[in-house]
Amino acid sequence: MAEARMAAEVLRRPWHGASDRVENPGVAAIRLHRAEVEALMIYHRTVPGSEEQGRAWRRLAALREKRVLLMPPDGAKRLPPLPAAPVGAMSGWQKLRRRLGLARN
């Protein structure tokens, strides 16, 4: 019983991490940044022009859109641009939406 109580106390330590602050927008932005970096690494590891690269790019673009929504406008402007979309990664409608800056919610 004491071991179970000790484990709960360990999880409440301030240096444990952000696992207990899910609703905090700063924590969500950090998590989205990490997911975006992982998606970018996957994108770079795929074969250029493949269907997998298209899927990886779409995931990367979706994560960027979510992350930009949580950032202040000046911070979003400082982000590096995404790599160019591979051929066939987006439909005509998706390209138009992206060009006009219309995002899904």
N, C-alpha and C. Protein backbone atom coordinates (compact mmCIF):
# COMPACT_ATOMS: atom_id res chain seq x y z
N MET A 1 0.83 -1.19 0.00
CA MET A 1 0.00 0.00 0.00
C MET A 1 0.87 1.26 0.00
N ALA A 2 1.93 1.22 0.77
CA ALA A 2 2.82 2.37 0.83
C ALA A 2 3.50 2.60 -0.50
N GLU A 3 3.77 1.50 -1.23
CA GLU A 3 4.40 1.63 -2.54
C GLU A 3 3.48 2.33 -3.53
N ALA A 4 2.18 2.04 -3.48
CA ALA A 4 1.23 2.68 -4.38
C ALA A 4 1.13 4.17 -4.07
N ARG A 5 1.13 4.52 -2.79
CA ARG A 5 1.07 5.92 -2.39
C ARG A 5 2.34 6.64 -2.83
N MET A 6 3.47 5.99 -2.72
CA MET A 6 4.73 6.61 -3.11
C MET A 6 4.77 6.88 -4.61
N ALA A 7 4.25 5.96 -5.40
CA ALA A 7 4.23 6.16 -6.86
C ALA A 7 3.38 7.37 -7.22
N ALA A 8 2.25 7.55 -6.55
CA ALA A 8 1.40 8.70 -6.83
C ALA A 8 2.11 10.00 -6.44
N GLU A 9 2.85 9.98 -5.34
CA GLU A 9 3.58 11.18 -4.92
C GLU A 9 4.70 11.51 -5.89
N VAL A 10 5.34 10.49 -6.43
CA VAL A 10 6.42 10.71 -7.39
C VAL A 10 5.88 11.41 -8.63
N LEU A 11 4.68 11.02 -9.07
CA LEU A 11 4.10 11.61 -10.27
C LEU A 11 3.69 13.07 -10.07
N ARG A 12 3.52 13.50 -8.82
CA ARG A 12 3.11 14.87 -8.58
C ARG A 12 4.28 15.82 -8.39
N ARG A 13 5.46 15.33 -8.48
CA ARG A 13 6.62 16.21 -8.30
C ARG A 13 6.67 17.23 -9.43
N PRO A 14 7.08 18.47 -9.15
CA PRO A 14 7.07 19.51 -10.18
C PRO A 14 8.00 19.22 -11.34
N TRP A 15 9.03 18.44 -11.16
CA TRP A 15 9.96 18.16 -12.24
C TRP A 15 9.55 16.94 -13.05
N HIS A 16 8.41 16.34 -12.71
CA HIS A 16 7.98 15.14 -13.42
C HIS A 16 7.68 15.42 -14.88
N GLY A 17 7.17 16.58 -15.17
CA GLY A 17 6.87 16.89 -16.56
C GLY A 17 5.50 17.52 -16.70
N ALA A 18 5.05 17.60 -17.91
CA ALA A 18 3.79 18.28 -18.19
C ALA A 18 2.63 17.31 -18.33
N SER A 19 2.78 16.09 -17.88
CA SER A 19 1.73 15.10 -18.08
C SER A 19 0.45 15.45 -17.34
N ASP A 20 0.53 16.26 -16.31
CA ASP A 20 -0.66 16.61 -15.56
C ASP A 20 -1.25 17.96 -15.98
N ARG A 21 -0.70 18.58 -17.02
CA ARG A 21 -1.19 19.89 -17.46
C ARG A 21 -1.62 19.83 -18.93
N VAL A 22 -2.51 18.93 -19.23
CA VAL A 22 -2.94 18.70 -20.62
C VAL A 22 -3.65 19.92 -21.19
N GLU A 23 -4.43 20.61 -20.38
CA GLU A 23 -5.23 21.73 -20.88
C GLU A 23 -4.42 23.01 -21.11
N ASN A 24 -3.19 23.06 -20.66
CA ASN A 24 -2.35 24.24 -20.82
C ASN A 24 -1.95 24.39 -22.29
N PRO A 25 -2.25 25.54 -22.94
CA PRO A 25 -1.90 25.71 -24.35
C PRO A 25 -0.40 25.65 -24.62
N GLY A 26 0.41 26.08 -23.68
CA GLY A 26 1.85 26.01 -23.87
C GLY A 26 2.34 24.57 -23.94
N VAL A 27 1.77 23.72 -23.10
CA VAL A 27 2.13 22.31 -23.11
C VAL A 27 1.67 21.67 -24.42
N ALA A 28 0.46 22.02 -24.85
CA ALA A 28 -0.05 21.48 -26.12
C ALA A 28 0.83 21.92 -27.29
N ALA A 29 1.30 23.16 -27.26
CA ALA A 29 2.17 23.65 -28.33
C ALA A 29 3.51 22.90 -28.34
N ILE A 30 4.04 22.61 -27.17
CA ILE A 30 5.29 21.85 -27.09
C ILE A 30 5.10 20.45 -27.64
N ARG A 31 3.99 19.83 -27.29
CA ARG A 31 3.71 18.47 -27.80
C ARG A 31 3.53 18.48 -29.31
N LEU A 32 2.83 19.49 -29.82
CA LEU A 32 2.66 19.59 -31.28
C LEU A 32 4.00 19.83 -31.97
N HIS A 33 4.87 20.60 -31.34
CA HIS A 33 6.20 20.84 -31.92
C HIS A 33 6.97 19.53 -32.01
N ARG A 34 6.91 18.76 -30.96
CA ARG A 34 7.61 17.47 -30.98
C ARG A 34 7.04 16.55 -32.06
N ALA A 35 5.72 16.50 -32.16
CA ALA A 35 5.09 15.67 -33.19
C ALA A 35 5.46 16.17 -34.58
N GLU A 36 5.55 17.49 -34.74
CA GLU A 36 5.92 18.05 -36.05
C GLU A 36 7.36 17.69 -36.42
N VAL A 37 8.26 17.73 -35.45
CA VAL A 37 9.65 17.36 -35.72
C VAL A 37 9.74 15.89 -36.11
N GLU A 38 9.00 15.04 -35.40
CA GLU A 38 9.01 13.61 -35.74
C GLU A 38 8.43 13.38 -37.13
N ALA A 39 7.36 14.11 -37.48
CA ALA A 39 6.76 13.97 -38.81
C ALA A 39 7.73 14.45 -39.89
N LEU A 40 8.48 15.51 -39.60
CA LEU A 40 9.46 16.00 -40.57
C LEU A 40 10.58 14.98 -40.79
N MET A 41 11.01 14.33 -39.72
CA MET A 41 12.04 13.30 -39.86
C MET A 41 11.52 12.13 -40.70
N ILE A 42 10.28 11.74 -40.48
CA ILE A 42 9.68 10.67 -41.28
C ILE A 42 9.59 11.10 -42.73
N TYR A 43 9.19 12.34 -42.97
CA TYR A 43 9.09 12.85 -44.34
C TYR A 43 10.44 12.76 -45.06
N HIS A 44 11.50 13.15 -44.38
CA HIS A 44 12.83 13.13 -45.00
C HIS A 44 13.36 11.71 -45.22
N ARG A 45 12.85 10.75 -44.46
CA ARG A 45 13.32 9.37 -44.60
C ARG A 45 12.57 8.57 -45.66
N THR A 46 11.49 9.11 -46.19
CA THR A 46 10.73 8.38 -47.19
C THR A 46 11.32 8.59 -48.57
N VAL A 47 10.94 7.71 -49.48
CA VAL A 47 11.42 7.78 -50.86
C VAL A 47 10.76 8.98 -51.54
N PRO A 48 11.53 9.87 -52.16
CA PRO A 48 10.95 11.05 -52.82
C PRO A 48 9.93 10.65 -53.90
N GLY A 49 8.79 11.31 -53.87
CA GLY A 49 7.75 11.08 -54.86
C GLY A 49 6.86 9.89 -54.56
N SER A 50 7.09 9.20 -53.46
CA SER A 50 6.28 8.02 -53.14
C SER A 50 4.98 8.43 -52.45
N GLU A 51 4.07 7.47 -52.39
CA GLU A 51 2.80 7.71 -51.71
C GLU A 51 3.02 7.93 -50.22
N GLU A 52 4.00 7.23 -49.67
CA GLU A 52 4.33 7.40 -48.25
C GLU A 52 4.80 8.83 -47.96
N GLN A 53 5.57 9.40 -48.88
CA GLN A 53 6.03 10.76 -48.68
C GLN A 53 4.86 11.73 -48.72
N GLY A 54 3.89 11.48 -49.58
CA GLY A 54 2.70 12.32 -49.63
C GLY A 54 1.93 12.27 -48.32
N ARG A 55 1.77 11.06 -47.77
CA ARG A 55 1.08 10.93 -46.48
C ARG A 55 1.86 11.62 -45.37
N ALA A 56 3.18 11.46 -45.38
CA ALA A 56 4.01 12.10 -44.36
C ALA A 56 3.91 13.62 -44.46
N TRP A 57 3.88 14.14 -45.68
CA TRP A 57 3.79 15.59 -45.85
C TRP A 57 2.43 16.11 -45.37
N ARG A 58 1.36 15.37 -45.68
CA ARG A 58 0.02 15.80 -45.23
C ARG A 58 -0.05 15.81 -43.71
N ARG A 59 0.55 14.81 -43.07
CA ARG A 59 0.57 14.78 -41.60
C ARG A 59 1.37 15.96 -41.06
N LEU A 60 2.49 16.24 -41.68
CA LEU A 60 3.32 17.37 -41.27
C LEU A 60 2.56 18.69 -41.41
N ALA A 61 1.86 18.87 -42.52
CA ALA A 61 1.10 20.10 -42.75
C ALA A 61 -0.05 20.23 -41.75
N ALA A 62 -0.71 19.11 -41.43
CA ALA A 62 -1.82 19.16 -40.47
C ALA A 62 -1.31 19.52 -39.07
N LEU A 63 -0.18 18.96 -38.68
CA LEU A 63 0.39 19.30 -37.38
C LEU A 63 0.81 20.77 -37.32
N ARG A 64 1.35 21.28 -38.41
CA ARG A 64 1.75 22.69 -38.45
C ARG A 64 0.53 23.59 -38.30
N GLU A 65 -0.57 23.24 -38.98
CA GLU A 65 -1.79 24.06 -38.87
C GLU A 65 -2.28 24.09 -37.43
N LYS A 66 -2.29 22.94 -36.76
CA LYS A 66 -2.74 22.90 -35.37
C LYS A 66 -1.81 23.71 -34.47
N ARG A 67 -0.52 23.61 -34.72
CA ARG A 67 0.46 24.32 -33.90
C ARG A 67 0.36 25.83 -34.08
N VAL A 68 0.16 26.28 -35.31
CA VAL A 68 0.06 27.71 -35.59
C VAL A 68 -1.16 28.31 -34.90
N LEU A 69 -2.24 27.54 -34.78
CA LEU A 69 -3.44 28.05 -34.11
C LEU A 69 -3.18 28.35 -32.64
N LEU A 70 -2.24 27.65 -32.02
CA LEU A 70 -1.94 27.86 -30.60
C LEU A 70 -0.87 28.93 -30.36
N MET A 71 -0.20 29.35 -31.42
CA MET A 71 0.90 30.30 -31.27
C MET A 71 0.44 31.74 -31.46
N PRO A 72 1.16 32.70 -30.85
CA PRO A 72 0.87 34.10 -31.16
C PRO A 72 1.25 34.39 -32.61
N PRO A 73 0.60 35.37 -33.25
CA PRO A 73 0.85 35.63 -34.67
C PRO A 73 2.31 35.91 -35.01
N ASP A 74 3.02 36.66 -34.15
CA ASP A 74 4.42 36.95 -34.46
C ASP A 74 5.29 35.70 -34.36
N GLY A 75 4.95 34.79 -33.46
CA GLY A 75 5.69 33.54 -33.36
C GLY A 75 5.45 32.63 -34.55
N ALA A 76 4.23 32.65 -35.06
CA ALA A 76 3.90 31.81 -36.22
C ALA A 76 4.61 32.30 -37.47
N LYS A 77 4.83 33.61 -37.56
CA LYS A 77 5.52 34.16 -38.73
C LYS A 77 7.00 33.76 -38.76
N ARG A 78 7.57 33.48 -37.60
CA ARG A 78 8.99 33.14 -37.53
C ARG A 78 9.28 31.67 -37.82
N LEU A 79 8.25 30.87 -37.97
CA LEU A 79 8.46 29.44 -38.24
C LEU A 79 9.08 29.25 -39.61
N PRO A 80 9.98 28.29 -39.74
CA PRO A 80 10.53 28.02 -41.07
C PRO A 80 9.45 27.42 -41.98
N PRO A 81 9.54 27.66 -43.27
CA PRO A 81 8.51 27.11 -44.16
C PRO A 81 8.60 25.59 -44.24
N LEU A 82 7.46 24.99 -44.52
CA LEU A 82 7.43 23.54 -44.72
C LEU A 82 8.10 23.20 -46.04
N PRO A 83 8.60 21.99 -46.17
CA PRO A 83 9.13 21.58 -47.47
C PRO A 83 8.01 21.60 -48.51
N ALA A 84 8.39 21.73 -49.76
CA ALA A 84 7.38 21.75 -50.83
C ALA A 84 6.63 20.43 -50.85
N ALA A 85 5.35 20.52 -51.13
CA ALA A 85 4.52 19.31 -51.18
C ALA A 85 4.94 18.44 -52.36
N PRO A 86 5.04 17.14 -52.14
CA PRO A 86 5.38 16.25 -53.25
C PRO A 86 4.26 16.24 -54.29
N VAL A 87 4.60 15.88 -55.50
CA VAL A 87 3.61 15.82 -56.58
C VAL A 87 2.54 14.81 -56.20
N GLY A 88 1.29 15.22 -56.31
CA GLY A 88 0.18 14.33 -56.01
C GLY A 88 -0.18 14.24 -54.54
N ALA A 89 0.48 15.02 -53.70
CA ALA A 89 0.18 14.96 -52.27
C ALA A 89 -1.13 15.65 -51.93
N MET A 90 -1.52 16.63 -52.75
CA MET A 90 -2.75 17.37 -52.47
C MET A 90 -3.62 17.43 -53.72
N SER A 91 -4.92 17.44 -53.47
CA SER A 91 -5.86 17.63 -54.57
C SER A 91 -5.91 19.12 -54.93
N GLY A 92 -6.59 19.44 -56.00
CA GLY A 92 -6.73 20.85 -56.39
C GLY A 92 -7.40 21.68 -55.31
N TRP A 93 -8.44 21.12 -54.68
CA TRP A 93 -9.14 21.83 -53.62
C TRP A 93 -8.21 22.07 -52.43
N GLN A 94 -7.42 21.08 -52.06
CA GLN A 94 -6.49 21.24 -50.94
C GLN A 94 -5.44 22.31 -51.24
N LYS A 95 -4.96 22.33 -52.47
CA LYS A 95 -3.98 23.36 -52.86
C LYS A 95 -4.59 24.75 -52.76
N LEU A 96 -5.84 24.90 -53.21
CA LEU A 96 -6.52 26.19 -53.14
C LEU A 96 -6.74 26.61 -51.70
N ARG A 97 -7.20 25.68 -50.86
CA ARG A 97 -7.41 25.98 -49.44
C ARG A 97 -6.11 26.43 -48.79
N ARG A 98 -5.02 25.75 -49.11
CA ARG A 98 -3.73 26.10 -48.52
C ARG A 98 -3.26 27.47 -48.99
N ARG A 99 -3.45 27.75 -50.28
CA ARG A 99 -3.04 29.04 -50.82
C ARG A 99 -3.83 30.18 -50.21
N LEU A 100 -5.13 29.96 -49.96
CA LEU A 100 -5.98 31.00 -49.38
C LEU A 100 -5.87 31.08 -47.86
N GLY A 101 -5.21 30.11 -47.25
CA GLY A 101 -5.04 30.13 -45.80
C GLY A 101 -6.26 29.65 -45.04
N LEU A 102 -7.09 28.86 -45.68
CA LEU A 102 -8.27 28.31 -45.02
C LEU A 102 -7.89 27.01 -44.33
N ALA A 103 -8.12 26.95 -43.03
CA ALA A 103 -7.75 25.75 -42.28
C ALA A 103 -8.99 25.05 -41.77
N ARG A 104 -8.88 23.74 -41.63
CA ARG A 104 -9.95 22.96 -41.04
C ARG A 104 -9.89 23.10 -39.53
N ASN A 105 -11.04 23.09 -38.88
CA ASN A 105 -11.08 23.13 -37.42
C ASN A 105 -11.53 21.82 -36.88
